[in-house]
Amino acid sequence: MSKKQPEPTQPIRTSALERYLAIGIVVIVAASIVCFFSVIIATWAGAANDDSFSHGIWPAVFGVQYYGLPVAFIMLVILLVSSSVRRSRAARSEQ
């Protein structure tokens, strides 16, 4: 038989850093996906034929697409570490 763990007396509160990281991860991943599909659609429409990708907004679009997902992954690791530290501190304080 497994023992039931006691219910926490207080709700677990997340920090502002964790909320900002979570929102930032979602926004950056969404922007990266939108940029990815915009490049696919622009290439299909023929923008790559006349070197249109080298000026205008396209260098920024490629930058978001290129750096967005790695930055979101690093933010996810930071969020997991900070959440784990907060939970372990909460568990130690309850004992």
Protein backbone atom coordinates (compact mmCIF):
# COMPACT_ATOMS: atom_id res chain seq x y z
CA MET A 1 0.00 0.00 0.00
CA SER A 2 1.15 3.47 -0.70
CA LYS A 3 0.90 6.21 1.85
CA LYS A 4 -1.17 9.23 1.01
CA GLN A 5 0.79 12.41 1.18
CA PRO A 6 -0.76 15.16 3.26
CA GLU A 7 -2.41 17.99 1.41
CA PRO A 8 -0.37 21.19 1.41
CA THR A 9 -1.82 23.76 3.75
CA GLN A 10 -1.00 26.66 1.46
CA PRO A 11 -1.33 26.89 -2.28
CA ILE A 12 2.00 26.82 -4.09
CA ARG A 13 2.83 30.30 -5.30
CA THR A 14 4.89 30.83 -8.40
CA SER A 15 7.35 33.66 -8.61
CA ALA A 16 7.17 36.48 -11.09
CA LEU A 17 10.33 35.16 -12.76
CA GLU A 18 8.67 31.82 -13.46
CA ARG A 19 5.59 33.50 -14.93
CA TYR A 20 7.69 35.78 -17.15
CA LEU A 21 9.80 32.84 -18.31
CA ALA A 22 6.72 30.77 -19.16
CA ILE A 23 5.09 33.60 -21.10
CA GLY A 24 8.38 34.40 -22.84
CA ILE A 25 8.85 30.80 -23.92
CA VAL A 26 5.39 30.68 -25.48
CA VAL A 27 5.84 34.03 -27.25
CA ILE A 28 9.30 33.20 -28.62
CA VAL A 29 8.28 29.75 -29.86
CA ALA A 30 5.16 31.19 -31.51
CA ALA A 31 7.19 33.96 -33.18
CA SER A 32 9.74 31.43 -34.42
CA ILE A 33 7.04 29.24 -35.93
CA VAL A 34 5.35 32.21 -37.60
CA CYS A 35 8.70 33.35 -39.04
CA PHE A 36 9.44 29.82 -40.25
CA PHE A 37 6.16 29.59 -42.14
CA SER A 38 6.50 33.13 -43.52
CA VAL A 39 9.87 32.21 -45.04
CA ILE A 40 8.39 29.03 -46.52
CA ILE A 41 5.48 30.96 -48.03
CA ALA A 42 7.72 33.76 -49.32
CA THR A 43 10.06 31.23 -50.92
CA TRP A 44 7.12 29.50 -52.53
CA ALA A 45 5.88 32.89 -53.81
CA GLY A 46 9.23 33.55 -55.47
CA ALA A 47 10.89 36.02 -53.12
CA ALA A 48 14.17 34.10 -53.19
CA ASN A 49 14.49 34.42 -56.97
CA ASP A 50 15.33 38.13 -57.03
CA ASP A 51 17.35 38.35 -53.77
CA SER A 52 14.48 39.88 -51.79
CA PHE A 53 15.58 38.15 -48.60
CA SER A 54 18.69 40.33 -48.23
CA HIS A 55 16.88 43.59 -47.40
CA GLY A 56 13.78 44.88 -45.66
CA ILE A 57 12.32 42.96 -42.76
CA TRP A 58 13.64 39.58 -43.93
CA PRO A 59 16.99 39.65 -42.08
CA ALA A 60 15.06 40.17 -38.82
CA VAL A 61 12.67 37.35 -39.74
CA PHE A 62 15.61 35.03 -40.36
CA GLY A 63 17.19 36.12 -37.06
CA VAL A 64 14.06 35.31 -35.06
CA GLN A 65 13.76 32.01 -36.84
CA TYR A 66 17.41 31.15 -36.31
CA TYR A 67 17.84 32.21 -32.66
CA GLY A 68 14.30 31.90 -31.30
CA LEU A 69 14.06 28.20 -30.54
CA PRO A 70 17.51 27.90 -28.90
CA VAL A 71 16.74 30.90 -26.68
CA ALA A 72 13.35 29.39 -25.77
CA PHE A 73 15.06 26.09 -24.90
CA ILE A 74 17.55 27.86 -22.62
CA MET A 75 14.65 29.71 -20.97
CA LEU A 76 12.86 26.38 -20.49
CA VAL A 77 15.89 24.91 -18.73
CA ILE A 78 16.09 27.99 -16.48
CA LEU A 79 12.37 27.65 -15.70
CA LEU A 80 12.74 23.96 -14.82
CA VAL A 81 15.74 24.61 -12.56
CA SER A 82 14.09 27.52 -10.75
CA SER A 83 10.88 25.54 -10.29
CA SER A 84 12.80 22.55 -8.93
CA VAL A 85 14.72 24.73 -6.49
CA ARG A 86 11.50 26.37 -5.29
CA ARG A 87 9.77 23.02 -4.80
CA SER A 88 12.71 21.50 -2.94
CA ARG A 89 12.88 24.50 -0.62
CA ALA A 90 9.15 24.23 0.01
CA ALA A 91 9.45 20.52 0.75
CA ARG A 92 12.31 21.11 3.19
CA SER A 93 10.42 23.86 5.00
CA GLU A 94 7.40 21.58 5.52
CA GLN A 95 9.43 18.91 7.31
